[in-house]
Amino acid sequence: MARPPLAADDRTILLTAAARRLGLTRSTLHERVRAANPAIRGMPPRSELNPGHQWLVSLDDVEAEERRKGLVEVPAAPPELSVDAMRLEMLQAALNESQQARITQAETLIAELRARLAERDRAVAEKDARIAQLERQLAAATRHTADLFAVPGT
């Protein structure tokens, strides 16, 4: 199946640079690019997408050919963190610690407020019980007073 030709948004590289990367001569790579169904697609000079004077080839195709030939180096270990990255990590850690401290402080305050509220509820309940007791005593005293001042036989 024929591959689509290069488009304006494809990454390209000069044919001579691609030949160097692949260990080929310029003429050998030029022949491959001009083949009927090339593994590496190219754009001729002075064409609609390549107004320059040199052949351009697909960088993606060159990289794929390098991988196929084993010319690509094994990816190195990830680089050490840059100073900016380390600062960012330190700031994020400090922010997390600060947020955790605030959460702990808020939880402590909530627990204290709940304890105070429970104490107030207990005090209100005691006062309500005392008021009910005084109301009963007042009612009894009122009945007793009414009995004292009641006229017999009426």
C-alpha atoms as a PDB file:
ATOM      1  CA  MET A   1       0.000   0.000   0.000  1.00  0.00           C
ATOM      2  CA  ALA A   2       1.392   3.382  -1.026  1.00  0.00           C
ATOM      3  CA  ARG A   3       2.207   5.807   1.755  1.00  0.00           C
ATOM      4  CA  PRO A   4       0.832   9.346   1.561  1.00  0.00           C
ATOM      5  CA  PRO A   5       3.225  12.009   0.312  1.00  0.00           C
ATOM      6  CA  LEU A   6       4.757  14.453   2.740  1.00  0.00           C
ATOM      7  CA  ALA A   7       2.520  17.279   3.879  1.00  0.00           C
ATOM      8  CA  ALA A   8       3.361  20.832   4.920  1.00  0.00           C
ATOM      9  CA  ASP A   9       3.134  19.963   8.628  1.00  0.00           C
ATOM     10  CA  ASP A  10       5.469  16.918   8.456  1.00  0.00           C
ATOM     11  CA  ARG A  11       8.868  17.258  10.124  1.00  0.00           C
ATOM     12  CA  THR A  12      11.640  17.281   7.540  1.00  0.00           C
ATOM     13  CA  ILE A  13      15.433  17.161   7.370  1.00  0.00           C
ATOM     14  CA  LEU A  14      17.889  17.808   4.538  1.00  0.00           C
ATOM     15  CA  LEU A  15      18.591  14.674   2.506  1.00  0.00           C
ATOM     16  CA  THR A  16      22.351  15.061   3.045  1.00  0.00           C
ATOM     17  CA  ALA A  17      21.900  15.196   6.847  1.00  0.00           C
ATOM     18  CA  ALA A  18      19.601  12.157   6.728  1.00  0.00           C
ATOM     19  CA  ALA A  19      22.168  10.227   4.658  1.00  0.00           C
ATOM     20  CA  ARG A  20      24.859  11.025   7.242  1.00  0.00           C
ATOM     21  CA  ARG A  21      22.589   9.819  10.089  1.00  0.00           C
ATOM     22  CA  LEU A  22      21.824   6.575   8.251  1.00  0.00           C
ATOM     23  CA  GLY A  23      25.425   5.935   7.162  1.00  0.00           C
ATOM     24  CA  LEU A  24      24.517   6.143   3.463  1.00  0.00           C
ATOM     25  CA  THR A  25      25.801   8.202   0.604  1.00  0.00           C
ATOM     26  CA  ARG A  26      23.699  11.075  -0.623  1.00  0.00           C
ATOM     27  CA  SER A  27      23.145   9.369  -3.966  1.00  0.00           C
ATOM     28  CA  THR A  28      22.051   6.051  -2.368  1.00  0.00           C
ATOM     29  CA  LEU A  29      19.480   7.771  -0.188  1.00  0.00           C
ATOM     30  CA  HIS A  30      18.374   9.891  -3.161  1.00  0.00           C
ATOM     31  CA  GLU A  31      17.673   6.699  -5.144  1.00  0.00           C
ATOM     32  CA  ARG A  32      15.672   5.223  -2.241  1.00  0.00           C
ATOM     33  CA  VAL A  33      13.617   8.403  -1.831  1.00  0.00           C
ATOM     34  CA  ARG A  34      12.778   8.443  -5.568  1.00  0.00           C
ATOM     35  CA  ALA A  35      11.644   4.768  -5.515  1.00  0.00           C
ATOM     36  CA  ALA A  36       8.021   3.887  -6.285  1.00  0.00           C
ATOM     37  CA  ASN A  37       7.058   3.192  -2.650  1.00  0.00           C
ATOM     38  CA  PRO A  38       9.908   4.602  -0.564  1.00  0.00           C
ATOM     39  CA  ALA A  39      10.568   3.776   3.077  1.00  0.00           C
ATOM     40  CA  ILE A  40      11.765   7.352   3.434  1.00  0.00           C
ATOM     41  CA  ARG A  41       9.561   9.913   1.753  1.00  0.00           C
ATOM     42  CA  GLY A  42      11.032  13.074   0.272  1.00  0.00           C
ATOM     43  CA  MET A  43      10.208  16.423  -1.314  1.00  0.00           C
ATOM     44  CA  PRO A  44      12.092  17.519  -4.389  1.00  0.00           C
ATOM     45  CA  PRO A  45      13.600  21.003  -4.478  1.00  0.00           C
ATOM     46  CA  ARG A  46      11.647  23.882  -6.006  1.00  0.00           C
ATOM     47  CA  SER A  47       8.343  22.091  -5.426  1.00  0.00           C
ATOM     48  CA  GLU A  48       5.169  23.500  -3.943  1.00  0.00           C
ATOM     49  CA  LEU A  49       6.033  22.415  -0.368  1.00  0.00           C
ATOM     50  CA  ASN A  50       9.814  22.808  -0.779  1.00  0.00           C
ATOM     51  CA  PRO A  51      10.759  26.063  -2.490  1.00  0.00           C
ATOM     52  CA  GLY A  52      14.417  25.565  -1.491  1.00  0.00           C
ATOM     53  CA  HIS A  53      17.251  24.155  -3.614  1.00  0.00           C
ATOM     54  CA  GLN A  54      17.850  20.851  -1.758  1.00  0.00           C
ATOM     55  CA  TRP A  55      15.900  17.659  -1.242  1.00  0.00           C
ATOM     56  CA  LEU A  56      14.035  17.323   2.075  1.00  0.00           C
ATOM     57  CA  VAL A  57      13.083  13.982   3.604  1.00  0.00           C
ATOM     58  CA  SER A  58      10.726  12.984   6.395  1.00  0.00           C
ATOM     59  CA  LEU A  59      12.438  13.154   9.778  1.00  0.00           C
ATOM     60  CA  ASP A  60       9.921  10.638  11.154  1.00  0.00           C
ATOM     61  CA  ASP A  61      10.826   8.191   8.367  1.00  0.00           C
ATOM     62  CA  VAL A  62      14.562   8.700   9.015  1.00  0.00           C
ATOM     63  CA  GLU A  63      14.085   8.080  12.751  1.00  0.00           C
ATOM     64  CA  ALA A  64      12.054   4.936  11.992  1.00  0.00           C
ATOM     65  CA  GLU A  65      14.828   3.699   9.681  1.00  0.00           C
ATOM     66  CA  GLU A  66      17.420   4.419  12.382  1.00  0.00           C
ATOM     67  CA  ARG A  67      15.405   2.337  14.857  1.00  0.00           C
ATOM     68  CA  ARG A  68      14.983  -0.446  12.302  1.00  0.00           C
ATOM     69  CA  LYS A  69      18.754  -0.511  11.669  1.00  0.00           C
ATOM     70  CA  GLY A  70      19.564  -0.271  15.381  1.00  0.00           C
ATOM     71  CA  LEU A  71      21.338   3.053  14.937  1.00  0.00           C
ATOM     72  CA  VAL A  72      19.434   4.760  17.715  1.00  0.00           C
ATOM     73  CA  GLU A  73      21.141   4.810  21.059  1.00  0.00           C
ATOM     74  CA  VAL A  74      19.389   3.306  24.032  1.00  0.00           C
ATOM     75  CA  PRO A  75      17.652   6.133  25.867  1.00  0.00           C
ATOM     76  CA  ALA A  76      19.798   7.358  28.693  1.00  0.00           C
ATOM     77  CA  ALA A  77      18.610   7.347  32.268  1.00  0.00           C
ATOM     78  CA  PRO A  78      16.429  10.295  33.037  1.00  0.00           C
ATOM     79  CA  PRO A  79      18.539  13.329  33.848  1.00  0.00           C
ATOM     80  CA  GLU A  80      18.870  14.460  37.396  1.00  0.00           C
ATOM     81  CA  LEU A  81      16.359  17.009  38.491  1.00  0.00           C
ATOM     82  CA  SER A  82      17.211  20.561  37.620  1.00  0.00           C
ATOM     83  CA  VAL A  83      17.508  23.177  40.329  1.00  0.00           C
ATOM     84  CA  ASP A  84      14.131  24.592  39.296  1.00  0.00           C
ATOM     85  CA  ALA A  85      12.517  21.150  39.476  1.00  0.00           C
ATOM     86  CA  MET A  86      14.014  20.545  42.927  1.00  0.00           C
ATOM     87  CA  ARG A  87      12.777  23.956  44.089  1.00  0.00           C
ATOM     88  CA  LEU A  88       9.328  23.122  42.759  1.00  0.00           C
ATOM     89  CA  GLU A  89       9.311  19.802  44.622  1.00  0.00           C
ATOM     90  CA  MET A  90      10.471  21.508  47.816  1.00  0.00           C
ATOM     91  CA  LEU A  91       7.797  24.194  47.509  1.00  0.00           C
ATOM     92  CA  GLN A  92       5.129  21.564  46.879  1.00  0.00           C
ATOM     93  CA  ALA A  93       6.283  19.594  49.932  1.00  0.00           C
ATOM     94  CA  ALA A  94       6.257  22.753  52.068  1.00  0.00           C
ATOM     95  CA  LEU A  95       2.791  23.611  50.794  1.00  0.00           C
ATOM     96  CA  ASN A  96       1.539  20.112  51.592  1.00  0.00           C
ATOM     97  CA  GLU A  97       3.045  20.308  55.089  1.00  0.00           C
ATOM     98  CA  SER A  98       1.474  23.733  55.617  1.00  0.00           C
ATOM     99  CA  GLN A  99      -1.916  22.491  54.454  1.00  0.00           C
ATOM    100  CA  GLN A 100      -1.666  19.434  56.705  1.00  0.00           C
ATOM    101  CA  ALA A 101      -0.756  21.645  59.691  1.00  0.00           C
ATOM    102  CA  ARG A 102      -3.763  23.862  58.997  1.00  0.00           C
ATOM    103  CA  ILE A 103      -6.051  20.841  58.720  1.00  0.00           C
ATOM    104  CA  THR A 104      -4.719  19.483  62.030  1.00  0.00           C
ATOM    105  CA  GLN A 105      -5.198  22.882  63.677  1.00  0.00           C
ATOM    106  CA  ALA A 106      -8.751  23.124  62.319  1.00  0.00           C
ATOM    107  CA  GLU A 107      -9.572  19.616  63.554  1.00  0.00           C
ATOM    108  CA  THR A 108      -8.231  20.527  67.026  1.00  0.00           C
ATOM    109  CA  LEU A 109     -10.357  23.686  67.102  1.00  0.00           C
ATOM    110  CA  ILE A 110     -13.425  21.736  66.019  1.00  0.00           C
ATOM    111  CA  ALA A 111     -12.857  19.191  68.800  1.00  0.00           C
ATOM    112  CA  GLU A 112     -12.488  22.005  71.362  1.00  0.00           C
ATOM    113  CA  LEU A 113     -15.649  23.709  70.135  1.00  0.00           C
ATOM    114  CA  ARG A 114     -17.568  20.417  70.278  1.00  0.00           C
ATOM    115  CA  ALA A 115     -16.376  19.871  73.855  1.00  0.00           C
ATOM    116  CA  ARG A 116     -17.457  23.409  74.804  1.00  0.00           C
ATOM    117  CA  LEU A 117     -20.807  22.898  73.118  1.00  0.00           C
ATOM    118  CA  ALA A 118     -21.324  19.617  74.965  1.00  0.00           C
ATOM    119  CA  GLU A 119     -20.527  21.371  78.265  1.00  0.00           C
ATOM    120  CA  ARG A 120     -22.967  24.167  77.431  1.00  0.00           C
ATOM    121  CA  ASP A 121     -25.642  21.620  76.504  1.00  0.00           C
ATOM    122  CA  ARG A 122     -25.084  19.864  79.829  1.00  0.00           C
ATOM    123  CA  ALA A 123     -25.333  23.207  81.699  1.00  0.00           C
ATOM    124  CA  VAL A 124     -28.544  24.125  79.831  1.00  0.00           C
ATOM    125  CA  ALA A 125     -30.025  20.711  80.607  1.00  0.00           C
ATOM    126  CA  GLU A 126     -29.203  21.192  84.326  1.00  0.00           C
ATOM    127  CA  LYS A 127     -30.818  24.654  84.290  1.00  0.00           C
ATOM    128  CA  ASP A 128     -33.885  23.288  82.500  1.00  0.00           C
ATOM    129  CA  ALA A 129     -34.176  20.582  85.176  1.00  0.00           C
ATOM    130  CA  ARG A 130     -33.788  23.209  87.924  1.00  0.00           C
ATOM    131  CA  ILE A 131     -36.453  25.425  86.291  1.00  0.00           C
ATOM    132  CA  ALA A 132     -38.842  22.468  86.078  1.00  0.00           C
ATOM    133  CA  GLN A 133     -38.158  21.695  89.770  1.00  0.00           C
ATOM    134  CA  LEU A 134     -38.802  25.339  90.752  1.00  0.00           C
ATOM    135  CA  GLU A 135     -42.004  25.409  88.675  1.00  0.00           C
ATOM    136  CA  ARG A 136     -43.255  22.320  90.528  1.00  0.00           C
ATOM    137  CA  GLN A 137     -42.331  23.901  93.882  1.00  0.00           C
ATOM    138  CA  LEU A 138     -44.082  27.135  92.895  1.00  0.00           C
ATOM    139  CA  ALA A 139     -47.198  25.239  91.886  1.00  0.00           C
ATOM    140  CA  ALA A 140     -47.183  23.358  95.179  1.00  0.00           C
ATOM    141  CA  ALA A 141     -46.659  26.572  97.137  1.00  0.00           C
ATOM    142  CA  THR A 142     -49.474  28.242  95.222  1.00  0.00           C
ATOM    143  CA  ARG A 143     -51.829  25.374  96.014  1.00  0.00           C
ATOM    144  CA  HIS A 144     -50.749  25.445  99.646  1.00  0.00           C
ATOM    145  CA  THR A 145     -51.300  29.204  99.826  1.00  0.00           C
ATOM    146  CA  ALA A 146     -54.682  28.861  98.176  1.00  0.00           C
ATOM    147  CA  ASP A 147     -55.592  26.195 100.681  1.00  0.00           C
ATOM    148  CA  LEU A 148     -54.561  28.440 103.534  1.00  0.00           C
ATOM    149  CA  PHE A 149     -56.646  31.344 102.379  1.00  0.00           C
ATOM    150  CA  ALA A 150     -59.578  29.297 101.272  1.00  0.00           C
ATOM    151  CA  VAL A 151     -62.768  29.996 103.108  1.00  0.00           C
ATOM    152  CA  PRO A 152     -64.172  26.780 104.495  1.00  0.00           C
ATOM    153  CA  GLY A 153     -67.469  25.715 103.085  1.00  0.00           C
ATOM    154  CA  THR A 154     -67.470  27.864 100.014  1.00  0.00           C
END
